[in-house]
Amino acid sequence: MAWSSPRVADGMVFADIGDLPDGSEIAAFDVRDGTEKWRKPLVGQDLAQAERGDFWPLGAQDGVLYVSNEKGLQAFGTKDGAKRDTGCPEETPPDFVVHCPETQDGTGQEEPPAGVGAYASVVAETDQVTVYRTGASAPAGEDAAADTEEPEIVLVGRADGKVLGRYGLGEDAEAREENPASAPALVDGTLVWADTDALHSVALGDGGGPGPLRRTPIEDVPVPEIEDPYDPDYGIALGKENTPPEIFPVGRVVHIVYRHGFAVSVAIPGPDAS
């Protein structure tokens, strides 16, 4: 199974289509009627199934969709899927999602800035800011200290690599398991993510500087109980996990889809909201 974190931009929905004979693909659909407009190869079948979950659409800006795939950072026109130049080398090592124009060694590979976390992942990006999500496990054979990092959303300025904001995802491991957070997204100058209780939003000002964290409560989201518990030490049963919601921003409304298909739509508060 390939995990997908869809993106909505320019009247299109972009999603990773996994479990295909030749790997997985990035596909674009018209948000109005679901018509498929184009698709392009994303990950080759030679990658292990578990590895494919590291690749998906990161975001879109000015008519260009940015995706992470087995070649690194790739870009396509949102309307026609035509390949666009990213400034990256043709074959970029995929160990980290990168900002190729700023790299100094010519490989296109750039580790997260200091203070972010050694195994943080880029989840959204604009020309001013990069959004990381921390808390990933260290690869096998490497220092396992990264496993102790608390999951956070970290906002970093692209001009100087400084951390502009940090936002925790639950008080402890039990709270995060009971109320997992979605992947964050950048929508019309606002950083957003959701969990069972609320839509969380941070308006970004000039230069990407963050305003206050705002919490828009969401009521009566059903949380299904797991009737048949299992021991995760012997493997993860996704059907028995309280999986994070997916968010689909359209304009300044975020459509949030929870486990078992329950959905709710929440307006993003304006920067002057109290």
C-alpha atoms as a PDB file:
ATOM      1  CA  MET A   1       0.000   0.000   0.000  1.00  0.00           C
ATOM      2  CA  ALA A   2       1.297   3.485  -0.830  1.00  0.00           C
ATOM      3  CA  TRP A   3       0.239   6.230   1.533  1.00  0.00           C
ATOM      4  CA  SER A   4      -1.037   9.353  -0.193  1.00  0.00           C
ATOM      5  CA  SER A   5      -1.372  12.898   1.083  1.00  0.00           C
ATOM      6  CA  PRO A   6      -3.511  14.571  -1.610  1.00  0.00           C
ATOM      7  CA  ARG A   7      -3.240  18.266  -2.489  1.00  0.00           C
ATOM      8  CA  VAL A   8      -5.884  20.574  -3.941  1.00  0.00           C
ATOM      9  CA  ALA A   9      -4.859  23.546  -6.116  1.00  0.00           C
ATOM     10  CA  ASP A  10      -5.914  25.301  -9.326  1.00  0.00           C
ATOM     11  CA  GLY A  11      -9.249  23.465  -9.354  1.00  0.00           C
ATOM     12  CA  MET A  12      -7.494  20.072  -9.305  1.00  0.00           C
ATOM     13  CA  VAL A  13      -6.912  17.265  -6.794  1.00  0.00           C
ATOM     14  CA  PHE A  14      -3.454  15.643  -6.951  1.00  0.00           C
ATOM     15  CA  ALA A  15      -2.979  12.199  -5.402  1.00  0.00           C
ATOM     16  CA  ASP A  16      -0.566   9.285  -5.378  1.00  0.00           C
ATOM     17  CA  ILE A  17      -2.158   6.228  -7.023  1.00  0.00           C
ATOM     18  CA  GLY A  18      -0.435   3.178  -5.553  1.00  0.00           C
ATOM     19  CA  ASP A  19      -0.411  -0.590  -5.951  1.00  0.00           C
ATOM     20  CA  LEU A  20       0.000  -0.469  -9.741  1.00  0.00           C
ATOM     21  CA  PRO A  21       1.978  -3.081 -11.693  1.00  0.00           C
ATOM     22  CA  ASP A  22       4.717  -0.559 -12.448  1.00  0.00           C
ATOM     23  CA  GLY A  23       4.833   1.099  -9.020  1.00  0.00           C
ATOM     24  CA  SER A  24       2.755   4.194  -8.310  1.00  0.00           C
ATOM     25  CA  GLU A  25       1.781   7.343 -10.206  1.00  0.00           C
ATOM     26  CA  ILE A  26       0.782  10.923  -9.509  1.00  0.00           C
ATOM     27  CA  ALA A  27      -2.656  11.665 -10.925  1.00  0.00           C
ATOM     28  CA  ALA A  28      -4.610  14.903 -11.371  1.00  0.00           C
ATOM     29  CA  PHE A  29      -8.416  15.068 -11.169  1.00  0.00           C
ATOM     30  CA  ASP A  30     -10.865  17.899 -11.829  1.00  0.00           C
ATOM     31  CA  VAL A  31     -12.220  18.950  -8.418  1.00  0.00           C
ATOM     32  CA  ARG A  32     -15.692  19.615  -9.887  1.00  0.00           C
ATOM     33  CA  ASP A  33     -16.503  16.275 -11.519  1.00  0.00           C
ATOM     34  CA  GLY A  34     -13.618  13.917 -10.704  1.00  0.00           C
ATOM     35  CA  THR A  35     -12.459  13.627 -14.317  1.00  0.00           C
ATOM     36  CA  GLU A  36      -8.858  12.466 -14.571  1.00  0.00           C
ATOM     37  CA  LYS A  37      -6.790  15.070 -16.422  1.00  0.00           C
ATOM     38  CA  TRP A  38      -3.308  13.531 -16.419  1.00  0.00           C
ATOM     39  CA  ARG A  39      -1.008  11.139 -14.608  1.00  0.00           C
ATOM     40  CA  LYS A  40       2.751  10.628 -14.452  1.00  0.00           C
ATOM     41  CA  PRO A  41       5.026   7.891 -13.034  1.00  0.00           C
ATOM     42  CA  LEU A  42       5.937   8.556  -9.401  1.00  0.00           C
ATOM     43  CA  VAL A  43       7.731   5.508  -7.976  1.00  0.00           C
ATOM     44  CA  GLY A  44       9.108   2.454  -9.793  1.00  0.00           C
ATOM     45  CA  GLN A  45       8.181  -1.087  -8.873  1.00  0.00           C
ATOM     46  CA  ASP A  46      11.770  -1.846  -7.845  1.00  0.00           C
ATOM     47  CA  LEU A  47      11.188  -0.009  -4.540  1.00  0.00           C
ATOM     48  CA  ALA A  48       9.865  -1.934  -1.554  1.00  0.00           C
ATOM     49  CA  GLN A  49       6.214  -1.316  -0.709  1.00  0.00           C
ATOM     50  CA  ALA A  50       7.168   0.273   2.632  1.00  0.00           C
ATOM     51  CA  GLU A  51       9.457   2.780   0.903  1.00  0.00           C
ATOM     52  CA  ARG A  52       6.746   4.044  -1.438  1.00  0.00           C
ATOM     53  CA  GLY A  53       5.007   5.792   1.444  1.00  0.00           C
ATOM     54  CA  ASP A  54       7.773   8.425   1.503  1.00  0.00           C
ATOM     55  CA  PHE A  55       6.680   9.928  -1.819  1.00  0.00           C
ATOM     56  CA  TRP A  56       3.668  12.132  -2.605  1.00  0.00           C
ATOM     57  CA  PRO A  57       2.635  15.618  -3.751  1.00  0.00           C
ATOM     58  CA  LEU A  58       4.135  18.291  -1.493  1.00  0.00           C
ATOM     59  CA  GLY A  59       2.234  21.336  -2.715  1.00  0.00           C
ATOM     60  CA  ALA A  60       1.473  23.642  -5.620  1.00  0.00           C
ATOM     61  CA  GLN A  61       2.263  27.258  -6.357  1.00  0.00           C
ATOM     62  CA  ASP A  62       1.950  29.490  -9.434  1.00  0.00           C
ATOM     63  CA  GLY A  63       0.649  26.654 -11.605  1.00  0.00           C
ATOM     64  CA  VAL A  64       3.411  24.209 -10.638  1.00  0.00           C
ATOM     65  CA  LEU A  65       2.946  20.980  -8.622  1.00  0.00           C
ATOM     66  CA  TYR A  66       5.934  19.805  -6.560  1.00  0.00           C
ATOM     67  CA  VAL A  67       6.255  16.117  -5.715  1.00  0.00           C
ATOM     68  CA  SER A  68       8.745  13.923  -3.911  1.00  0.00           C
ATOM     69  CA  ASN A  69       9.619  10.746  -5.758  1.00  0.00           C
ATOM     70  CA  GLU A  70      12.465   8.290  -6.280  1.00  0.00           C
ATOM     71  CA  LYS A  71      14.403  10.938  -8.246  1.00  0.00           C
ATOM     72  CA  GLY A  72      14.067  13.572  -5.523  1.00  0.00           C
ATOM     73  CA  LEU A  73      12.141  16.817  -5.996  1.00  0.00           C
ATOM     74  CA  GLN A  74      10.168  16.908  -9.262  1.00  0.00           C
ATOM     75  CA  ALA A  75       7.787  19.520 -10.688  1.00  0.00           C
ATOM     76  CA  PHE A  76       4.865  19.312 -13.120  1.00  0.00           C
ATOM     77  CA  GLY A  77       2.432  21.826 -14.581  1.00  0.00           C
ATOM     78  CA  THR A  78      -0.821  21.608 -12.632  1.00  0.00           C
ATOM     79  CA  LYS A  79      -3.033  21.776 -15.731  1.00  0.00           C
ATOM     80  CA  ASP A  80      -1.183  19.565 -18.213  1.00  0.00           C
ATOM     81  CA  GLY A  81       1.354  17.533 -16.224  1.00  0.00           C
ATOM     82  CA  ALA A  82       4.225  18.891 -18.308  1.00  0.00           C
ATOM     83  CA  LYS A  83       7.563  18.479 -16.540  1.00  0.00           C
ATOM     84  CA  ARG A  84       8.988  21.719 -15.133  1.00  0.00           C
ATOM     85  CA  ASP A  85      12.511  22.631 -14.108  1.00  0.00           C
ATOM     86  CA  THR A  86      13.170  22.666 -10.331  1.00  0.00           C
ATOM     87  CA  GLY A  87      16.837  23.627 -10.427  1.00  0.00           C
ATOM     88  CA  CYS A  88      17.648  20.147  -9.087  1.00  0.00           C
ATOM     89  CA  PRO A  89      20.132  17.685 -10.592  1.00  0.00           C
ATOM     90  CA  GLU A  90      18.369  15.142 -12.812  1.00  0.00           C
ATOM     91  CA  GLU A  91      18.986  12.347 -10.311  1.00  0.00           C
ATOM     92  CA  THR A  92      18.607  13.731  -6.764  1.00  0.00           C
ATOM     93  CA  PRO A  93      19.245  11.324  -3.874  1.00  0.00           C
ATOM     94  CA  PRO A  94      15.844  10.832  -2.189  1.00  0.00           C
ATOM     95  CA  ASP A  95      17.155  10.581   1.399  1.00  0.00           C
ATOM     96  CA  PHE A  96      15.689  13.990   2.151  1.00  0.00           C
ATOM     97  CA  VAL A  97      13.241  16.198   0.324  1.00  0.00           C
ATOM     98  CA  VAL A  98      15.351  19.115  -0.788  1.00  0.00           C
ATOM     99  CA  HIS A  99      15.625  22.764  -1.759  1.00  0.00           C
ATOM    100  CA  CYS A 100      17.935  22.227  -4.678  1.00  0.00           C
ATOM    101  CA  PRO A 101      18.812  25.823  -5.637  1.00  0.00           C
ATOM    102  CA  GLU A 102      20.233  26.447  -2.142  1.00  0.00           C
ATOM    103  CA  THR A 103      22.435  23.356  -1.873  1.00  0.00           C
ATOM    104  CA  GLN A 104      26.167  23.878  -1.977  1.00  0.00           C
ATOM    105  CA  ASP A 105      27.556  20.446  -2.785  1.00  0.00           C
ATOM    106  CA  GLY A 106      25.852  19.998  -6.154  1.00  0.00           C
ATOM    107  CA  THR A 107      24.032  16.819  -5.159  1.00  0.00           C
ATOM    108  CA  GLY A 108      20.687  18.452  -4.489  1.00  0.00           C
ATOM    109  CA  GLN A 109      20.618  16.834  -1.052  1.00  0.00           C
ATOM    110  CA  GLU A 110      19.965  19.038   1.962  1.00  0.00           C
ATOM    111  CA  GLU A 111      19.449  17.838   5.502  1.00  0.00           C
ATOM    112  CA  PRO A 112      16.928  19.576   7.759  1.00  0.00           C
ATOM    113  CA  PRO A 113      18.273  22.761   9.420  1.00  0.00           C
ATOM    114  CA  ALA A 114      19.728  22.647  12.914  1.00  0.00           C
ATOM    115  CA  GLY A 115      17.085  22.398  15.607  1.00  0.00           C
ATOM    116  CA  VAL A 116      14.513  20.708  13.380  1.00  0.00           C
ATOM    117  CA  GLY A 117      15.408  17.043  13.847  1.00  0.00           C
ATOM    118  CA  ALA A 118      17.705  14.719  11.939  1.00  0.00           C
ATOM    119  CA  TYR A 119      14.896  12.681  10.383  1.00  0.00           C
ATOM    120  CA  ALA A 120      12.263  15.372   9.908  1.00  0.00           C
ATOM    121  CA  SER A 121      10.247  15.259   6.700  1.00  0.00           C
ATOM    122  CA  VAL A 122       9.236  18.158   4.477  1.00  0.00           C
ATOM    123  CA  VAL A 123       5.434  18.186   4.203  1.00  0.00           C
ATOM    124  CA  ALA A 124       4.748  21.581   2.597  1.00  0.00           C
ATOM    125  CA  GLU A 125       6.719  24.407   1.068  1.00  0.00           C
ATOM    126  CA  THR A 126       6.518  27.856  -0.530  1.00  0.00           C
ATOM    127  CA  ASP A 127       9.194  30.233  -1.764  1.00  0.00           C
ATOM    128  CA  GLN A 128       9.361  31.732   1.761  1.00  0.00           C
ATOM    129  CA  VAL A 129       8.869  28.854   4.200  1.00  0.00           C
ATOM    130  CA  THR A 130       9.307  25.107   4.553  1.00  0.00           C
ATOM    131  CA  VAL A 131       7.100  23.034   6.862  1.00  0.00           C
ATOM    132  CA  TYR A 132       8.657  19.986   8.510  1.00  0.00           C
ATOM    133  CA  ARG A 133       7.051  17.228  10.539  1.00  0.00           C
ATOM    134  CA  THR A 134       9.335  15.683  13.154  1.00  0.00           C
ATOM    135  CA  GLY A 135       9.172  12.499  15.175  1.00  0.00           C
ATOM    136  CA  ALA A 136      10.214   9.980  12.506  1.00  0.00           C
ATOM    137  CA  SER A 137      12.178   6.914  13.529  1.00  0.00           C
ATOM    138  CA  ALA A 138      15.855   6.613  12.762  1.00  0.00           C
ATOM    139  CA  PRO A 139      16.685   4.216   9.903  1.00  0.00           C
ATOM    140  CA  ALA A 140      17.777   0.714  10.918  1.00  0.00           C
ATOM    141  CA  GLY A 141      21.399   0.645  12.044  1.00  0.00           C
ATOM    142  CA  GLU A 142      21.535   4.357  12.879  1.00  0.00           C
ATOM    143  CA  ASP A 143      21.305   6.244  16.147  1.00  0.00           C
ATOM    144  CA  ALA A 144      17.895   5.470  17.637  1.00  0.00           C
ATOM    145  CA  ALA A 145      17.888   8.739  19.607  1.00  0.00           C
ATOM    146  CA  ALA A 146      15.611  10.219  16.943  1.00  0.00           C
ATOM    147  CA  ASP A 147      12.894   7.863  18.143  1.00  0.00           C
ATOM    148  CA  THR A 148      12.637   9.957  21.296  1.00  0.00           C
ATOM    149  CA  GLU A 149      11.878  13.212  19.458  1.00  0.00           C
ATOM    150  CA  GLU A 150       8.403  14.547  20.152  1.00  0.00           C
ATOM    151  CA  PRO A 151       6.283  14.883  16.989  1.00  0.00           C
ATOM    152  CA  GLU A 152       5.982  18.529  16.005  1.00  0.00           C
ATOM    153  CA  ILE A 153       5.164  20.726  13.058  1.00  0.00           C
ATOM    154  CA  VAL A 154       8.109  23.070  12.517  1.00  0.00           C
ATOM    155  CA  LEU A 155       7.972  26.194  10.346  1.00  0.00           C
ATOM    156  CA  VAL A 156      11.333  27.262   8.895  1.00  0.00           C
ATOM    157  CA  GLY A 157      12.222  30.358   6.881  1.00  0.00           C
ATOM    158  CA  ARG A 158      13.870  29.493   3.581  1.00  0.00           C
ATOM    159  CA  ALA A 159      15.982  32.642   3.423  1.00  0.00           C
ATOM    160  CA  ASP A 160      18.055  31.878   6.526  1.00  0.00           C
ATOM    161  CA  GLY A 161      16.954  28.417   7.731  1.00  0.00           C
ATOM    162  CA  LYS A 162      15.773  29.783  11.076  1.00  0.00           C
ATOM    163  CA  VAL A 163      12.894  28.167  12.936  1.00  0.00           C
ATOM    164  CA  LEU A 164       9.901  30.519  12.859  1.00  0.00           C
ATOM    165  CA  GLY A 165       7.456  28.388  14.844  1.00  0.00           C
ATOM    166  CA  ARG A 166       6.983  24.998  16.525  1.00  0.00           C
ATOM    167  CA  TYR A 167       3.634  23.315  17.179  1.00  0.00           C
ATOM    168  CA  GLY A 168       3.292  20.157  19.264  1.00  0.00           C
ATOM    169  CA  LEU A 169       1.041  17.275  18.217  1.00  0.00           C
ATOM    170  CA  GLY A 170      -0.380  15.990  21.500  1.00  0.00           C
ATOM    171  CA  GLU A 171       0.819  16.012  25.081  1.00  0.00           C
ATOM    172  CA  ASP A 172       2.090  12.434  25.070  1.00  0.00           C
ATOM    173  CA  ALA A 173       2.142   9.222  23.032  1.00  0.00           C
ATOM    174  CA  GLU A 174      -1.238   8.058  24.363  1.00  0.00           C
ATOM    175  CA  ALA A 175      -2.894  11.364  23.458  1.00  0.00           C
ATOM    176  CA  ARG A 176      -1.411  11.244  19.943  1.00  0.00           C
ATOM    177  CA  GLU A 177      -2.632   7.680  19.460  1.00  0.00           C
ATOM    178  CA  GLU A 178      -6.164   8.576  20.553  1.00  0.00           C
ATOM    179  CA  ASN A 179      -6.266  11.827  18.576  1.00  0.00           C
ATOM    180  CA  PRO A 180      -3.809  11.669  15.651  1.00  0.00           C
ATOM    181  CA  ALA A 181      -3.137  14.805  13.610  1.00  0.00           C
ATOM    182  CA  SER A 182      -3.369  15.113   9.849  1.00  0.00           C
ATOM    183  CA  ALA A 183      -0.467  16.102   7.659  1.00  0.00           C
ATOM    184  CA  PRO A 184      -0.223  19.918   7.598  1.00  0.00           C
ATOM    185  CA  ALA A 185      -0.799  22.024   4.500  1.00  0.00           C
ATOM    186  CA  LEU A 186      -0.208  25.612   3.415  1.00  0.00           C
ATOM    187  CA  VAL A 187      -3.440  27.211   2.197  1.00  0.00           C
ATOM    188  CA  ASP A 188      -3.655  30.805   0.986  1.00  0.00           C
ATOM    189  CA  GLY A 189      -0.900  31.999   3.306  1.00  0.00           C
ATOM    190  CA  THR A 190      -2.070  29.909   6.271  1.00  0.00           C
ATOM    191  CA  LEU A 191      -0.591  26.781   7.829  1.00  0.00           C
ATOM    192  CA  VAL A 192      -3.368  24.316   8.719  1.00  0.00           C
ATOM    193  CA  TRP A 193      -3.768  20.832  10.156  1.00  0.00           C
ATOM    194  CA  ALA A 194      -6.586  18.939  11.850  1.00  0.00           C
ATOM    195  CA  ASP A 195      -7.304  16.311  14.465  1.00  0.00           C
ATOM    196  CA  THR A 196     -10.494  14.932  16.001  1.00  0.00           C
ATOM    197  CA  ASP A 197     -11.054  17.998  18.170  1.00  0.00           C
ATOM    198  CA  ALA A 198     -10.195  20.996  15.991  1.00  0.00           C
ATOM    199  CA  LEU A 199      -8.827  22.641  12.888  1.00  0.00           C
ATOM    200  CA  HIS A 200      -5.539  24.314  13.820  1.00  0.00           C
ATOM    201  CA  SER A 201      -4.382  27.306  11.789  1.00  0.00           C
ATOM    202  CA  VAL A 202      -1.508  29.788  11.768  1.00  0.00           C
ATOM    203  CA  ALA A 203      -1.679  32.781   9.420  1.00  0.00           C
ATOM    204  CA  LEU A 204       1.680  33.682   7.863  1.00  0.00           C
ATOM    205  CA  GLY A 205       2.670  37.305   7.397  1.00  0.00           C
ATOM    206  CA  ASP A 206       5.271  38.967   5.188  1.00  0.00           C
ATOM    207  CA  GLY A 207       8.371  36.823   4.957  1.00  0.00           C
ATOM    208  CA  GLY A 208       6.464  33.831   6.327  1.00  0.00           C
ATOM    209  CA  GLY A 209       6.428  35.055   9.926  1.00  0.00           C
ATOM    210  CA  PRO A 210       3.678  33.234  11.862  1.00  0.00           C
ATOM    211  CA  GLY A 211       0.777  34.823  13.697  1.00  0.00           C
ATOM    212  CA  PRO A 212      -0.914  33.215  16.697  1.00  0.00           C
ATOM    213  CA  LEU A 213      -2.054  29.596  16.659  1.00  0.00           C
ATOM    214  CA  ARG A 214      -5.839  29.492  16.291  1.00  0.00           C
ATOM    215  CA  ARG A 215      -8.027  26.536  17.202  1.00  0.00           C
ATOM    216  CA  THR A 216     -11.433  26.104  15.547  1.00  0.00           C
ATOM    217  CA  PRO A 217     -13.319  23.418  17.538  1.00  0.00           C
ATOM    218  CA  ILE A 218     -14.918  20.473  15.731  1.00  0.00           C
ATOM    219  CA  GLU A 219     -17.713  18.752  17.614  1.00  0.00           C
ATOM    220  CA  ASP A 220     -19.224  15.275  17.548  1.00  0.00           C
ATOM    221  CA  VAL A 221     -16.594  13.524  15.420  1.00  0.00           C
ATOM    222  CA  PRO A 222     -17.210   9.791  15.952  1.00  0.00           C
ATOM    223  CA  VAL A 223     -14.135   7.895  17.104  1.00  0.00           C
ATOM    224  CA  PRO A 224     -14.687   4.177  16.434  1.00  0.00           C
ATOM    225  CA  GLU A 225     -13.530   1.836  19.159  1.00  0.00           C
ATOM    226  CA  ILE A 226     -11.341  -1.099  18.275  1.00  0.00           C
ATOM    227  CA  GLU A 227     -13.396  -4.149  19.272  1.00  0.00           C
ATOM    228  CA  ASP A 228     -10.631  -6.666  18.674  1.00  0.00           C
ATOM    229  CA  PRO A 229      -7.332  -5.367  20.133  1.00  0.00           C
ATOM    230  CA  TYR A 230      -4.075  -6.792  18.828  1.00  0.00           C
ATOM    231  CA  ASP A 231      -0.386  -6.756  19.676  1.00  0.00           C
ATOM    232  CA  PRO A 232       1.400  -4.242  17.386  1.00  0.00           C
ATOM    233  CA  ASP A 233       4.739  -5.902  18.152  1.00  0.00           C
ATOM    234  CA  TYR A 234       3.735  -8.537  15.587  1.00  0.00           C
ATOM    235  CA  GLY A 235       2.798  -6.070  12.866  1.00  0.00           C
ATOM    236  CA  ILE A 236       0.502  -3.106  12.318  1.00  0.00           C
ATOM    237  CA  ALA A 237      -3.112  -3.841  11.381  1.00  0.00           C
ATOM    238  CA  LEU A 238      -4.195  -0.624   9.671  1.00  0.00           C
ATOM    239  CA  GLY A 239      -7.848  -1.594   9.867  1.00  0.00           C
ATOM    240  CA  LYS A 240      -7.579  -1.576  13.658  1.00  0.00           C
ATOM    241  CA  GLU A 241      -5.649   1.675  13.973  1.00  0.00           C
ATOM    242  CA  ASN A 242      -7.104   5.105  14.692  1.00  0.00           C
ATOM    243  CA  THR A 243      -5.573   6.603  11.548  1.00  0.00           C
ATOM    244  CA  PRO A 244      -5.066  10.368  11.062  1.00  0.00           C
ATOM    245  CA  PRO A 245      -7.633  12.382   9.110  1.00  0.00           C
ATOM    246  CA  GLU A 246      -6.928  13.639   5.594  1.00  0.00           C
ATOM    247  CA  ILE A 247      -7.451  17.301   4.778  1.00  0.00           C
ATOM    248  CA  PHE A 248      -8.583  18.702   1.416  1.00  0.00           C
ATOM    249  CA  PRO A 249      -8.444  22.514   1.283  1.00  0.00           C
ATOM    250  CA  VAL A 250     -10.589  24.207  -1.361  1.00  0.00           C
ATOM    251  CA  GLY A 251     -10.356  27.986  -1.245  1.00  0.00           C
ATOM    252  CA  ARG A 252     -10.425  28.914   2.435  1.00  0.00           C
ATOM    253  CA  VAL A 253     -12.485  25.891   3.458  1.00  0.00           C
ATOM    254  CA  VAL A 254     -10.793  22.717   4.702  1.00  0.00           C
ATOM    255  CA  HIS A 255     -12.692  19.470   4.092  1.00  0.00           C
ATOM    256  CA  ILE A 256     -11.575  16.941   6.716  1.00  0.00           C
ATOM    257  CA  VAL A 257     -12.146  13.216   6.149  1.00  0.00           C
ATOM    258  CA  TYR A 258     -11.888  10.931   9.159  1.00  0.00           C
ATOM    259  CA  ARG A 259     -11.626   7.180   9.495  1.00  0.00           C
ATOM    260  CA  HIS A 260     -14.613   5.260   8.070  1.00  0.00           C
ATOM    261  CA  GLY A 261     -15.551   8.186   5.816  1.00  0.00           C
ATOM    262  CA  PHE A 262     -16.970  10.732   8.287  1.00  0.00           C
ATOM    263  CA  ALA A 263     -16.309  14.222   6.877  1.00  0.00           C
ATOM    264  CA  VAL A 264     -16.686  17.813   8.024  1.00  0.00           C
ATOM    265  CA  SER A 265     -15.937  21.172   6.378  1.00  0.00           C
ATOM    266  CA  VAL A 266     -14.377  24.013   8.376  1.00  0.00           C
ATOM    267  CA  ALA A 267     -13.651  27.573   7.251  1.00  0.00           C
ATOM    268  CA  ILE A 268     -10.123  28.849   7.884  1.00  0.00           C
ATOM    269  CA  PRO A 269     -10.370  31.864  10.214  1.00  0.00           C
ATOM    270  CA  GLY A 270      -9.044  35.150   8.889  1.00  0.00           C
ATOM    271  CA  PRO A 271      -5.818  36.632  10.279  1.00  0.00           C
ATOM    272  CA  ASP A 272      -7.813  39.096  12.404  1.00  0.00           C
ATOM    273  CA  ALA A 273     -10.085  36.474  13.966  1.00  0.00           C
ATOM    274  CA  SER A 274     -10.096  36.397  17.745  1.00  0.00           C
END
